[in-house]
PDB file of all heavy atoms in Angstrom:
ATOM      1  N   GLY A   1       0.535  33.116 -36.620  1.00  0.00           N
ATOM      2  CA  GLY A   1       1.970  32.812 -36.561  1.00  0.00           C
ATOM      3  C   GLY A   1       2.293  31.357 -36.141  1.00  0.00           C
ATOM      4  O   GLY A   1       3.467  31.021 -35.919  1.00  0.00           O
ATOM      5  N   VAL A   2       1.421  30.575 -36.117  1.00  0.00           N
ATOM      6  CA  VAL A   2       1.448  29.081 -35.658  1.00  0.00           C
ATOM      7  C   VAL A   2       0.773  28.223 -36.658  1.00  0.00           C
ATOM      8  O   VAL A   2      -0.421  28.446 -37.015  1.00  0.00           O
ATOM      9  CB  VAL A   2       0.950  28.914 -34.325  1.00  0.00           C
ATOM     10  CG1 VAL A   2       1.192  27.524 -33.790  1.00  0.00           C
ATOM     11  CG2 VAL A   2       1.506  29.887 -33.327  1.00  0.00           C
ATOM     12  N   LEU A   3       1.371  27.094 -37.139  1.00  0.00           N
ATOM     13  CA  LEU A   3       0.786  26.023 -37.858  1.00  0.00           C
ATOM     14  C   LEU A   3       1.372  24.713 -37.392  1.00  0.00           C
ATOM     15  O   LEU A   3       2.583  24.475 -37.689  1.00  0.00           O
ATOM     16  CB  LEU A   3       1.013  26.281 -39.364  1.00  0.00           C
ATOM     17  CG  LEU A   3       0.053  25.580 -40.324  1.00  0.00           C
ATOM     18  CD1 LEU A   3       0.075  26.183 -41.706  1.00  0.00           C
ATOM     19  CD2 LEU A   3       0.385  24.065 -40.442  1.00  0.00           C
ATOM     20  N   PHE A   4       0.527  23.929 -36.837  1.00  0.00           N
ATOM     21  CA  PHE A   4       1.056  22.588 -36.356  1.00  0.00           C
ATOM     22  C   PHE A   4       0.196  21.559 -37.086  1.00  0.00           C
ATOM     23  O   PHE A   4      -1.045  21.747 -37.395  1.00  0.00           O
ATOM     24  CB  PHE A   4       0.803  22.412 -34.858  1.00  0.00           C
ATOM     25  CG  PHE A   4       2.101  22.825 -34.059  1.00  0.00           C
ATOM     26  CD1 PHE A   4       2.580  24.085 -34.292  1.00  0.00           C
ATOM     27  CD2 PHE A   4       2.688  21.969 -33.274  1.00  0.00           C
ATOM     28  CE1 PHE A   4       3.736  24.470 -33.477  1.00  0.00           C
ATOM     29  CE2 PHE A   4       3.854  22.285 -32.602  1.00  0.00           C
ATOM     30  CZ  PHE A   4       4.348  23.533 -32.720  1.00  0.00           C
ATOM     31  N   ASN A   5       0.893  20.414 -37.308  1.00  0.00           N
ATOM     32  CA  ASN A   5       0.359  19.286 -38.193  1.00  0.00           C
ATOM     33  C   ASN A   5      -0.342  18.228 -37.372  1.00  0.00           C
ATOM     34  O   ASN A   5      -0.189  17.974 -36.235  1.00  0.00           O
ATOM     35  CB  ASN A   5       1.476  18.784 -38.988  1.00  0.00           C
ATOM     36  CG  ASN A   5       1.013  18.004 -40.223  1.00  0.00           C
ATOM     37  OD1 ASN A   5      -0.027  18.218 -40.685  1.00  0.00           O
ATOM     38  ND2 ASN A   5       1.961  17.253 -40.776  1.00  0.00           N
ATOM     39  N   GLY A   6      -1.236  17.450 -38.132  1.00  0.00           N
ATOM     40  CA  GLY A   6      -1.789  16.337 -37.568  1.00  0.00           C
ATOM     41  C   GLY A   6      -0.868  15.106 -37.670  1.00  0.00           C
ATOM     42  O   GLY A   6       0.395  15.305 -37.659  1.00  0.00           O
ATOM     43  N   CYS A   7      -1.337  13.805 -37.737  1.00  0.00           N
ATOM     44  CA  CYS A   7      -0.386  12.682 -37.740  1.00  0.00           C
ATOM     45  C   CYS A   7      -1.046  11.669 -38.684  1.00  0.00           C
ATOM     46  O   CYS A   7      -2.272  11.772 -39.077  1.00  0.00           O
ATOM     47  CB  CYS A   7      -0.275  12.178 -36.404  1.00  0.00           C
ATOM     48  SG  CYS A   7      -1.759  11.369 -35.675  1.00  0.00           S
ATOM     49  N   LEU A   8      -0.217  10.691 -39.084  1.00  0.00           N
ATOM     50  CA  LEU A   8      -0.726   9.598 -39.899  1.00  0.00           C
ATOM     51  C   LEU A   8      -1.357   8.437 -39.181  1.00  0.00           C
ATOM     52  O   LEU A   8      -2.338   7.894 -39.633  1.00  0.00           O
ATOM     53  CB  LEU A   8       0.464   9.144 -40.739  1.00  0.00           C
ATOM     54  CG  LEU A   8       0.042   8.857 -42.295  1.00  0.00           C
ATOM     55  CD1 LEU A   8      -0.563  10.121 -42.922  1.00  0.00           C
ATOM     56  CD2 LEU A   8       1.302   8.410 -43.078  1.00  0.00           C
ATOM     57  N   PRO A   9      -0.913   8.057 -37.966  1.00  0.00           N
ATOM     58  CA  PRO A   9      -1.538   6.959 -37.246  1.00  0.00           C
ATOM     59  C   PRO A   9      -3.014   7.302 -36.909  1.00  0.00           C
ATOM     60  O   PRO A   9      -3.775   6.333 -36.865  1.00  0.00           O
ATOM     61  CB  PRO A   9      -0.606   6.729 -36.039  1.00  0.00           C
ATOM     62  CG  PRO A   9       0.651   7.357 -36.426  1.00  0.00           C
ATOM     63  CD  PRO A   9       0.386   8.497 -37.315  1.00  0.00           C
ATOM     64  N   GLY A  10      -3.249   8.490 -36.453  1.00  0.00           N
ATOM     65  CA  GLY A  10      -4.628   8.760 -36.020  1.00  0.00           C
ATOM     66  C   GLY A  10      -4.920   8.427 -34.619  1.00  0.00           C
ATOM     67  O   GLY A  10      -4.017   8.310 -33.753  1.00  0.00           O
ATOM     68  N   TYR A  11      -6.064   8.351 -34.307  1.00  0.00           N
ATOM     69  CA  TYR A  11      -6.621   8.118 -32.876  1.00  0.00           C
ATOM     70  C   TYR A  11      -6.008   6.850 -32.349  1.00  0.00           C
ATOM     71  O   TYR A  11      -6.127   5.723 -32.923  1.00  0.00           O
ATOM     72  CB  TYR A  11      -8.139   7.968 -32.954  1.00  0.00           C
ATOM     73  CG  TYR A  11      -8.790   8.041 -31.565  1.00  0.00           C
ATOM     74  CD1 TYR A  11      -8.546   9.083 -30.757  1.00  0.00           C
ATOM     75  CD2 TYR A  11      -9.758   7.091 -31.261  1.00  0.00           C
ATOM     76  CE1 TYR A  11      -9.286   9.181 -29.505  1.00  0.00           C
ATOM     77  CE2 TYR A  11     -10.447   7.186 -30.032  1.00  0.00           C
ATOM     78  CZ  TYR A  11     -10.178   8.193 -29.123  1.00  0.00           C
ATOM     79  OH  TYR A  11     -10.797   8.311 -27.951  1.00  0.00           O
ATOM     80  N   SER A  12      -5.293   6.976 -31.161  1.00  0.00           N
ATOM     81  CA  SER A  12      -4.607   5.879 -30.667  1.00  0.00           C
ATOM     82  C   SER A  12      -5.020   5.380 -29.335  1.00  0.00           C
ATOM     83  O   SER A  12      -5.876   6.194 -28.670  1.00  0.00           O
ATOM     84  CB  SER A  12      -3.126   6.169 -30.577  1.00  0.00           C
ATOM     85  OG  SER A  12      -2.803   7.195 -29.606  1.00  0.00           O
ATOM     86  N   GLU A  13      -4.547   4.329 -28.780  1.00  0.00           N
ATOM     87  CA  GLU A  13      -4.830   3.905 -27.346  1.00  0.00           C
ATOM     88  C   GLU A  13      -4.453   4.953 -26.356  1.00  0.00           C
ATOM     89  O   GLU A  13      -5.083   5.174 -25.380  1.00  0.00           O
ATOM     90  CB  GLU A  13      -4.033   2.622 -27.040  1.00  0.00           C
ATOM     91  CG  GLU A  13      -4.368   1.446 -28.078  1.00  0.00           C
ATOM     92  CD  GLU A  13      -3.347   1.421 -29.205  1.00  0.00           C
ATOM     93  OE1 GLU A  13      -2.680   2.442 -29.459  1.00  0.00           O
ATOM     94  OE2 GLU A  13      -3.263   0.354 -29.821  1.00  0.00           O
ATOM     95  N   TYR A  14      -3.261   5.545 -26.583  1.00  0.00           N
ATOM     96  CA  TYR A  14      -2.830   6.604 -25.671  1.00  0.00           C
ATOM     97  C   TYR A  14      -3.757   7.784 -25.680  1.00  0.00           C
ATOM     98  O   TYR A  14      -4.124   8.331 -24.618  1.00  0.00           O
ATOM     99  CB  TYR A  14      -1.402   7.017 -26.117  1.00  0.00           C
ATOM    100  CG  TYR A  14      -0.745   8.082 -25.129  1.00  0.00           C
ATOM    101  CD1 TYR A  14      -0.131   7.644 -24.024  1.00  0.00           C
ATOM    102  CD2 TYR A  14      -0.883   9.407 -25.388  1.00  0.00           C
ATOM    103  CE1 TYR A  14       0.399   8.516 -23.092  1.00  0.00           C
ATOM    104  CE2 TYR A  14      -0.310  10.300 -24.459  1.00  0.00           C
ATOM    105  CZ  TYR A  14       0.415   9.828 -23.303  1.00  0.00           C
ATOM    106  OH  TYR A  14       0.991  10.772 -22.448  1.00  0.00           O
ATOM    107  N   ALA A  15      -4.174   8.201 -26.832  1.00  0.00           N
ATOM    108  CA  ALA A  15      -5.066   9.388 -26.944  1.00  0.00           C
ATOM    109  C   ALA A  15      -6.412   9.087 -26.270  1.00  0.00           C
ATOM    110  O   ALA A  15      -7.028   9.905 -25.660  1.00  0.00           O
ATOM    111  CB  ALA A  15      -5.357   9.775 -28.383  1.00  0.00           C
ATOM    112  N   ARG A  16      -6.884   7.825 -26.500  1.00  0.00           N
ATOM    113  CA  ARG A  16      -8.240   7.483 -25.912  1.00  0.00           C
ATOM    114  C   ARG A  16      -8.189   7.157 -24.340  1.00  0.00           C
ATOM    115  O   ARG A  16      -8.945   7.685 -23.623  1.00  0.00           O
ATOM    116  CB  ARG A  16      -8.690   6.149 -26.630  1.00  0.00           C
ATOM    117  CG  ARG A  16     -10.086   5.741 -26.118  1.00  0.00           C
ATOM    118  CD  ARG A  16     -10.544   4.468 -26.839  1.00  0.00           C
ATOM    119  NE  ARG A  16     -11.789   4.124 -26.373  1.00  0.00           N
ATOM    120  CZ  ARG A  16     -12.046   3.369 -25.305  1.00  0.00           C
ATOM    121  NH1 ARG A  16     -11.038   2.885 -24.543  1.00  0.00           N
ATOM    122  NH2 ARG A  16     -13.299   3.122 -24.862  1.00  0.00           N
ATOM    123  N   ALA A  17      -7.203   6.345 -23.942  1.00  0.00           N
ATOM    124  CA  ALA A  17      -7.213   5.865 -22.527  1.00  0.00           C
ATOM    125  C   ALA A  17      -6.384   6.811 -21.592  1.00  0.00           C
ATOM    126  O   ALA A  17      -6.719   6.920 -20.377  1.00  0.00           O
ATOM    127  CB  ALA A  17      -6.620   4.427 -22.443  1.00  0.00           C
ATOM    128  N   ARG A  18      -5.410   7.448 -22.092  1.00  0.00           N
ATOM    129  CA  ARG A  18      -4.542   8.284 -21.162  1.00  0.00           C
ATOM    130  C   ARG A  18      -4.884   9.770 -21.238  1.00  0.00           C
ATOM    131  O   ARG A  18      -5.034  10.445 -20.266  1.00  0.00           O
ATOM    132  CB  ARG A  18      -3.039   8.137 -21.562  1.00  0.00           C
ATOM    133  CG  ARG A  18      -2.559   6.744 -21.283  1.00  0.00           C
ATOM    134  CD  ARG A  18      -2.391   6.401 -19.785  1.00  0.00           C
ATOM    135  NE  ARG A  18      -1.558   7.277 -19.193  1.00  0.00           N
ATOM    136  CZ  ARG A  18      -0.167   7.117 -19.127  1.00  0.00           C
ATOM    137  NH1 ARG A  18       0.316   6.124 -19.712  1.00  0.00           N
ATOM    138  NH2 ARG A  18       0.564   7.996 -18.497  1.00  0.00           N
ATOM    139  N   MET A  19      -5.047  10.312 -22.487  1.00  0.00           N
ATOM    140  CA  MET A  19      -5.423  11.710 -22.707  1.00  0.00           C
ATOM    141  C   MET A  19      -6.895  11.993 -22.608  1.00  0.00           C
ATOM    142  O   MET A  19      -7.224  13.116 -22.244  1.00  0.00           O
ATOM    143  CB  MET A  19      -4.840  12.266 -24.026  1.00  0.00           C
ATOM    144  CG  MET A  19      -3.232  12.064 -24.143  1.00  0.00           C
ATOM    145  SD  MET A  19      -2.421  13.271 -23.000  1.00  0.00           S
ATOM    146  CE  MET A  19      -2.785  14.705 -23.833  1.00  0.00           C
ATOM    147  N   ARG A  20      -7.683  11.062 -23.020  1.00  0.00           N
ATOM    148  CA  ARG A  20      -9.168  11.216 -23.106  1.00  0.00           C
ATOM    149  C   ARG A  20      -9.551  12.387 -24.033  1.00  0.00           C
ATOM    150  O   ARG A  20     -10.418  13.260 -23.560  1.00  0.00           O
ATOM    151  CB  ARG A  20      -9.673  11.397 -21.652  1.00  0.00           C
ATOM    152  CG  ARG A  20      -9.645  10.160 -20.826  1.00  0.00           C
ATOM    153  CD  ARG A  20     -10.481   8.997 -21.409  1.00  0.00           C
ATOM    154  NE  ARG A  20     -10.399   7.793 -20.562  1.00  0.00           N
ATOM    155  CZ  ARG A  20     -10.989   6.587 -20.864  1.00  0.00           C
ATOM    156  NH1 ARG A  20     -11.609   6.518 -21.999  1.00  0.00           N
ATOM    157  NH2 ARG A  20     -10.892   5.589 -20.099  1.00  0.00           N
ATOM    158  N   VAL A  21      -8.850  12.480 -25.059  1.00  0.00           N
ATOM    159  CA  VAL A  21      -9.162  13.596 -25.997  1.00  0.00           C
ATOM    160  C   VAL A  21     -10.214  13.085 -27.012  1.00  0.00           C
ATOM    161  O   VAL A  21     -10.377  11.899 -27.229  1.00  0.00           O
ATOM    162  CB  VAL A  21      -7.915  14.037 -26.738  1.00  0.00           C
ATOM    163  CG1 VAL A  21      -6.949  14.691 -25.766  1.00  0.00           C
ATOM    164  CG2 VAL A  21      -7.199  12.879 -27.577  1.00  0.00           C
ATOM    165  N   ALA A  22     -10.847  14.007 -27.735  1.00  0.00           N
ATOM    166  CA  ALA A  22     -11.828  13.706 -28.797  1.00  0.00           C
ATOM    167  C   ALA A  22     -11.146  12.972 -29.944  1.00  0.00           C
ATOM    168  O   ALA A  22     -10.036  13.342 -30.343  1.00  0.00           O
ATOM    169  CB  ALA A  22     -12.531  15.009 -29.268  1.00  0.00           C
ATOM    170  N   PRO A  23     -11.766  12.015 -30.487  1.00  0.00           N
ATOM    171  CA  PRO A  23     -11.222  11.305 -31.686  1.00  0.00           C
ATOM    172  C   PRO A  23     -10.984  12.250 -32.775  1.00  0.00           C
ATOM    173  O   PRO A  23     -11.827  13.120 -33.111  1.00  0.00           O
ATOM    174  CB  PRO A  23     -12.222  10.273 -32.016  1.00  0.00           C
ATOM    175  CG  PRO A  23     -13.081  10.028 -30.781  1.00  0.00           C
ATOM    176  CD  PRO A  23     -13.122  11.422 -30.052  1.00  0.00           C
ATOM    177  N   SER A  24      -9.816  12.097 -33.508  1.00  0.00           N
ATOM    178  CA  SER A  24      -9.422  12.837 -34.605  1.00  0.00           C
ATOM    179  C   SER A  24      -8.908  12.001 -35.730  1.00  0.00           C
ATOM    180  O   SER A  24      -8.060  11.214 -35.437  1.00  0.00           O
ATOM    181  CB  SER A  24      -8.426  13.920 -34.237  1.00  0.00           C
ATOM    182  OG  SER A  24      -8.031  14.743 -35.330  1.00  0.00           O
ATOM    183  N   PRO A  25      -9.465  12.173 -36.909  1.00  0.00           N
ATOM    184  CA  PRO A  25      -9.038  11.364 -38.043  1.00  0.00           C
ATOM    185  C   PRO A  25      -7.608  11.596 -38.372  1.00  0.00           C
ATOM    186  O   PRO A  25      -7.073  12.732 -38.277  1.00  0.00           O
ATOM    187  CB  PRO A  25      -9.933  11.702 -39.149  1.00  0.00           C
ATOM    188  CG  PRO A  25     -10.414  13.005 -38.869  1.00  0.00           C
ATOM    189  CD  PRO A  25     -10.474  13.182 -37.323  1.00  0.00           C
ATOM    190  N   PRO A  26      -6.884  10.658 -38.943  1.00  0.00           N
ATOM    191  CA  PRO A  26      -5.437  10.900 -39.381  1.00  0.00           C
ATOM    192  C   PRO A  26      -5.442  11.918 -40.512  1.00  0.00           C
ATOM    193  O   PRO A  26      -6.284  11.774 -41.460  1.00  0.00           O
ATOM    194  CB  PRO A  26      -4.977   9.480 -39.867  1.00  0.00           C
ATOM    195  CG  PRO A  26      -6.244   8.828 -40.080  1.00  0.00           C
ATOM    196  CD  PRO A  26      -7.271   9.245 -39.162  1.00  0.00           C
ATOM    197  N   SER A  27      -4.496  12.860 -40.454  1.00  0.00           N
ATOM    198  CA  SER A  27      -4.465  13.893 -41.435  1.00  0.00           C
ATOM    199  C   SER A  27      -3.080  14.520 -41.555  1.00  0.00           C
ATOM    200  O   SER A  27      -2.266  14.349 -40.627  1.00  0.00           O
ATOM    201  CB  SER A  27      -5.549  14.976 -41.113  1.00  0.00           C
ATOM    202  OG  SER A  27      -5.085  15.749 -39.960  1.00  0.00           O
TER     203      SER A  27
END
C-alpha cells in the first residue's frame, strides 16, 4: 500500500553530514 520515490539530486551534503545515511544514487 505504499510507494515512495527517490530524487534527482542524489546523495547530498545534508544526507552525508546531518543524517549520516548510506549513499544512494539519484533515481
